[in-house]
Structure formats: C-alpha cells, structure tokens
Amino acid sequence: MSQTPSEPTIDLRDGGREPKGLRGALLRYRVMAFVTGVVLGALTVALVVLWDVPKDERPAWYGLGWVAHGWLYIVYVAASLDLVFRMKWALWRALLVVLAGTIPFMSFVAERWVTHRVDKRLVAPDTKSAAVRVD
C-alpha cells in the first residue's frame, strides 16, 4: 500500500487515532454534496427546458430554486471546509472540492473522490488482523 506524505494512513490497530469528528464531517459532506448536486442538476434541466420562456413568465419555483441552491451551496462549502481542515488537505484540493458544487453533477464525482480518500486514510479496526499470533 503506497502512501503519499500528504495523506498518511491512520491504522487504528496500531494505536493511531483518527482526527476527532472525521466520520461525522464526512457524513455531513456526503449529504450536502448529494443535496447540492440534485438541486443544481434539476435546476440545470429546468434552465434548458425553460430557456425560451420569458423571465416574467417562468414559474415561481424556478427562481426560488436558484435562491435555495445558493443557500445550500453555502452549507455545502461549510461542510466541505470542515472536512478539508480535519483531513489537513492542501489549498488546491480544498478549492477543487468546493468548486465541485458549482458544476452540474460534479458534486457527485467529488463526493466519491473525497469518500475514497477519507476511507483510504482510515483503516477500521479489524479484530482478526489485529489478533496476536501465539506459537
């Protein structure tokens, strides 16, 4: 298993400790990435469908949806930064994760990438592999 200096593995079997609240931060990030992605994707589809409709004739939910996405994006940024700080990632990774919420359907890709990185860093305790061999 190769390790990069920026992402050390925390092996809980060897007495290592995961950063406090990392699992909760990951869950919050995953929920917000999903919600932000669904809302932005739906609004993008609505944008294409309502493209030729004059602005004053568009349904009220359309404008409210964009306002909702703006507020959801702020929560997404907060959840992203919480996770980024706990993982101690570089600035460029933080920017990529945060900007993924602005591109339709990209938050789903970023969520999978982030989850993979966090899961790779944390090795759940496994009693079988941590057992002491007695000869």
C-alpha atoms as a PDB file:
ATOM      1  CA  MET A   1       0.000   0.000   0.000  1.00  0.00           C
ATOM      2  CA  SER A   2       1.668   3.195  -1.130  1.00  0.00           C
ATOM      3  CA  GLN A   3       1.277   6.328   0.909  1.00  0.00           C
ATOM      4  CA  THR A   4       1.791   9.916  -0.033  1.00  0.00           C
ATOM      5  CA  PRO A   5       3.246  12.305   2.518  1.00  0.00           C
ATOM      6  CA  SER A   6       0.120  14.475   2.386  1.00  0.00           C
ATOM      7  CA  GLU A   7      -2.183  11.565   3.231  1.00  0.00           C
ATOM      8  CA  PRO A   8      -0.755   9.354   5.954  1.00  0.00           C
ATOM      9  CA  THR A   9      -2.729   6.263   6.809  1.00  0.00           C
ATOM     10  CA  ILE A  10      -4.090   6.130  10.312  1.00  0.00           C
ATOM     11  CA  ASP A  11      -4.125   2.492  11.262  1.00  0.00           C
ATOM     12  CA  LEU A  12      -6.356   2.218  14.306  1.00  0.00           C
ATOM     13  CA  ARG A  13      -4.975  -1.243  15.114  1.00  0.00           C
ATOM     14  CA  ASP A  14      -1.568   0.242  15.943  1.00  0.00           C
ATOM     15  CA  GLY A  15      -2.889   2.767  18.425  1.00  0.00           C
ATOM     16  CA  GLY A  16      -3.294   5.575  15.891  1.00  0.00           C
ATOM     17  CA  ARG A  17      -6.238   7.858  16.358  1.00  0.00           C
ATOM     18  CA  GLU A  18      -8.467   9.275  13.700  1.00  0.00           C
ATOM     19  CA  PRO A  19      -8.998  13.022  13.741  1.00  0.00           C
ATOM     20  CA  LYS A  20     -11.834  13.885  16.105  1.00  0.00           C
ATOM     21  CA  GLY A  21     -15.189  14.115  14.329  1.00  0.00           C
ATOM     22  CA  LEU A  22     -13.875  12.961  10.941  1.00  0.00           C
ATOM     23  CA  ARG A  23     -16.617  10.399  10.351  1.00  0.00           C
ATOM     24  CA  GLY A  24     -19.330  12.955  11.182  1.00  0.00           C
ATOM     25  CA  ALA A  25     -17.685  15.546   8.937  1.00  0.00           C
ATOM     26  CA  LEU A  26     -17.608  13.021   6.093  1.00  0.00           C
ATOM     27  CA  LEU A  27     -21.297  12.209   6.577  1.00  0.00           C
ATOM     28  CA  ARG A  28     -22.248  15.906   6.585  1.00  0.00           C
ATOM     29  CA  TYR A  29     -20.190  16.478   3.444  1.00  0.00           C
ATOM     30  CA  ARG A  30     -21.727  13.493   1.652  1.00  0.00           C
ATOM     31  CA  VAL A  31     -25.281  14.621   2.462  1.00  0.00           C
ATOM     32  CA  MET A  32     -24.626  18.185   1.313  1.00  0.00           C
ATOM     33  CA  ALA A  33     -22.846  17.022  -1.860  1.00  0.00           C
ATOM     34  CA  PHE A  34     -25.866  14.880  -2.728  1.00  0.00           C
ATOM     35  CA  VAL A  35     -28.446  17.572  -1.951  1.00  0.00           C
ATOM     36  CA  THR A  36     -26.491  20.291  -3.757  1.00  0.00           C
ATOM     37  CA  GLY A  37     -25.933  18.021  -6.761  1.00  0.00           C
ATOM     38  CA  VAL A  38     -29.597  17.038  -7.048  1.00  0.00           C
ATOM     39  CA  VAL A  39     -30.858  20.624  -6.741  1.00  0.00           C
ATOM     40  CA  LEU A  40     -28.281  22.006  -9.183  1.00  0.00           C
ATOM     41  CA  GLY A  41     -28.907  19.174 -11.638  1.00  0.00           C
ATOM     42  CA  ALA A  42     -32.687  19.663 -11.523  1.00  0.00           C
ATOM     43  CA  LEU A  43     -32.345  23.417 -11.947  1.00  0.00           C
ATOM     44  CA  THR A  44     -29.979  22.958 -14.877  1.00  0.00           C
ATOM     45  CA  VAL A  45     -32.516  20.704 -16.589  1.00  0.00           C
ATOM     46  CA  ALA A  46     -35.211  23.314 -15.862  1.00  0.00           C
ATOM     47  CA  LEU A  47     -32.934  26.003 -17.304  1.00  0.00           C
ATOM     48  CA  VAL A  48     -32.662  24.114 -20.570  1.00  0.00           C
ATOM     49  CA  VAL A  49     -36.416  23.404 -20.701  1.00  0.00           C
ATOM     50  CA  LEU A  50     -37.404  26.989 -19.828  1.00  0.00           C
ATOM     51  CA  TRP A  51     -34.737  28.646 -21.973  1.00  0.00           C
ATOM     52  CA  ASP A  52     -37.198  30.241 -24.445  1.00  0.00           C
ATOM     53  CA  VAL A  53     -39.735  31.219 -21.788  1.00  0.00           C
ATOM     54  CA  PRO A  54     -39.536  34.929 -20.891  1.00  0.00           C
ATOM     55  CA  LYS A  55     -38.298  35.601 -17.368  1.00  0.00           C
ATOM     56  CA  ASP A  56     -41.578  37.111 -16.189  1.00  0.00           C
ATOM     57  CA  GLU A  57     -43.496  34.009 -17.362  1.00  0.00           C
ATOM     58  CA  ARG A  58     -41.307  31.413 -15.667  1.00  0.00           C
ATOM     59  CA  PRO A  59     -42.841  29.561 -12.693  1.00  0.00           C
ATOM     60  CA  ALA A  60     -42.152  30.949  -9.213  1.00  0.00           C
ATOM     61  CA  TRP A  61     -40.431  27.736  -8.090  1.00  0.00           C
ATOM     62  CA  TYR A  62     -37.740  28.307 -10.697  1.00  0.00           C
ATOM     63  CA  GLY A  63     -36.438  31.498  -9.106  1.00  0.00           C
ATOM     64  CA  LEU A  64     -36.889  30.133  -5.601  1.00  0.00           C
ATOM     65  CA  GLY A  65     -34.935  27.036  -6.615  1.00  0.00           C
ATOM     66  CA  TRP A  66     -31.904  29.124  -7.559  1.00  0.00           C
ATOM     67  CA  VAL A  67     -32.117  31.007  -4.265  1.00  0.00           C
ATOM     68  CA  ALA A  68     -32.347  27.678  -2.422  1.00  0.00           C
ATOM     69  CA  HIS A  69     -29.335  26.391  -4.320  1.00  0.00           C
ATOM     70  CA  GLY A  70     -27.361  29.461  -3.262  1.00  0.00           C
ATOM     71  CA  TRP A  71     -28.109  28.841   0.407  1.00  0.00           C
ATOM     72  CA  LEU A  72     -27.490  25.102   0.062  1.00  0.00           C
ATOM     73  CA  TYR A  73     -24.182  25.853  -1.614  1.00  0.00           C
ATOM     74  CA  ILE A  74     -23.106  27.924   1.396  1.00  0.00           C
ATOM     75  CA  VAL A  75     -23.857  24.953   3.668  1.00  0.00           C
ATOM     76  CA  TYR A  76     -22.007  22.691   1.196  1.00  0.00           C
ATOM     77  CA  VAL A  77     -18.949  24.965   1.385  1.00  0.00           C
ATOM     78  CA  ALA A  78     -19.060  24.903   5.199  1.00  0.00           C
ATOM     79  CA  ALA A  79     -19.321  21.089   5.243  1.00  0.00           C
ATOM     80  CA  SER A  80     -16.534  20.815   2.666  1.00  0.00           C
ATOM     81  CA  LEU A  81     -14.189  23.098   4.564  1.00  0.00           C
ATOM     82  CA  ASP A  82     -14.912  21.271   7.819  1.00  0.00           C
ATOM     83  CA  LEU A  83     -13.804  18.022   6.193  1.00  0.00           C
ATOM     84  CA  VAL A  84     -10.831  19.624   4.410  1.00  0.00           C
ATOM     85  CA  PHE A  85      -9.487  21.101   7.658  1.00  0.00           C
ATOM     86  CA  ARG A  86      -9.896  17.810   9.508  1.00  0.00           C
ATOM     87  CA  MET A  87      -8.034  15.986   6.725  1.00  0.00           C
ATOM     88  CA  LYS A  88      -5.402  18.774   6.524  1.00  0.00           C
ATOM     89  CA  TRP A  89      -5.558  18.847   2.745  1.00  0.00           C
ATOM     90  CA  ALA A  90      -3.714  21.330   0.561  1.00  0.00           C
ATOM     91  CA  LEU A  91      -5.401  24.501  -0.691  1.00  0.00           C
ATOM     92  CA  TRP A  92      -5.751  23.211  -4.261  1.00  0.00           C
ATOM     93  CA  ARG A  93      -7.702  20.163  -3.069  1.00  0.00           C
ATOM     94  CA  ALA A  94      -9.947  22.361  -0.950  1.00  0.00           C
ATOM     95  CA  LEU A  95     -10.671  24.589  -3.940  1.00  0.00           C
ATOM     96  CA  LEU A  96     -11.487  21.635  -6.182  1.00  0.00           C
ATOM     97  CA  VAL A  97     -13.856  20.133  -3.621  1.00  0.00           C
ATOM     98  CA  VAL A  98     -15.603  23.461  -3.001  1.00  0.00           C
ATOM     99  CA  LEU A  99     -15.885  24.363  -6.697  1.00  0.00           C
ATOM    100  CA  ALA A 100     -17.412  20.973  -7.493  1.00  0.00           C
ATOM    101  CA  GLY A 101     -20.689  22.300  -6.072  1.00  0.00           C
ATOM    102  CA  THR A 102     -20.908  24.890  -8.849  1.00  0.00           C
ATOM    103  CA  ILE A 103     -20.758  22.491 -11.822  1.00  0.00           C
ATOM    104  CA  PRO A 104     -23.872  20.399 -12.506  1.00  0.00           C
ATOM    105  CA  PHE A 105     -23.421  16.780 -11.374  1.00  0.00           C
ATOM    106  CA  MET A 106     -19.756  17.342 -10.441  1.00  0.00           C
ATOM    107  CA  SER A 107     -20.535  17.222  -6.722  1.00  0.00           C
ATOM    108  CA  PHE A 108     -21.341  13.518  -7.181  1.00  0.00           C
ATOM    109  CA  VAL A 109     -17.898  12.912  -8.677  1.00  0.00           C
ATOM    110  CA  ALA A 110     -16.201  14.935  -5.944  1.00  0.00           C
ATOM    111  CA  GLU A 111     -18.156  13.095  -3.252  1.00  0.00           C
ATOM    112  CA  ARG A 112     -16.905   9.724  -4.495  1.00  0.00           C
ATOM    113  CA  TRP A 113     -13.328  11.032  -4.723  1.00  0.00           C
ATOM    114  CA  VAL A 114     -13.438  12.545  -1.226  1.00  0.00           C
ATOM    115  CA  THR A 115     -15.057   9.468   0.311  1.00  0.00           C
ATOM    116  CA  HIS A 116     -12.424   7.248  -1.291  1.00  0.00           C
ATOM    117  CA  ARG A 117      -9.613   9.441   0.098  1.00  0.00           C
ATOM    118  CA  VAL A 118     -11.066   9.521   3.603  1.00  0.00           C
ATOM    119  CA  ASP A 119     -11.799   5.774   3.641  1.00  0.00           C
ATOM    120  CA  LYS A 120      -8.280   5.056   2.403  1.00  0.00           C
ATOM    121  CA  ARG A 121      -6.838   7.126   5.217  1.00  0.00           C
ATOM    122  CA  LEU A 122      -8.860   5.444   7.936  1.00  0.00           C
ATOM    123  CA  VAL A 123      -8.446   1.740   8.422  1.00  0.00           C
ATOM    124  CA  ALA A 124     -11.281   0.450  10.570  1.00  0.00           C
ATOM    125  CA  PRO A 125     -10.237  -1.748  13.447  1.00  0.00           C
ATOM    126  CA  ASP A 126     -10.353  -5.392  12.498  1.00  0.00           C
ATOM    127  CA  THR A 127     -10.117  -7.847  15.368  1.00  0.00           C
ATOM    128  CA  LYS A 128      -8.970 -10.745  13.186  1.00  0.00           C
ATOM    129  CA  SER A 129      -5.983  -8.935  11.664  1.00  0.00           C
ATOM    130  CA  ALA A 130      -5.091  -7.295  14.976  1.00  0.00           C
ATOM    131  CA  ALA A 131      -5.019 -10.575  16.856  1.00  0.00           C
ATOM    132  CA  VAL A 132      -1.703 -11.593  18.345  1.00  0.00           C
ATOM    133  CA  ARG A 133      -0.258 -14.812  16.970  1.00  0.00           C
ATOM    134  CA  VAL A 134       0.836 -17.260  19.647  1.00  0.00           C
ATOM    135  CA  ASP A 135       3.284 -20.013  18.617  1.00  0.00           C
END
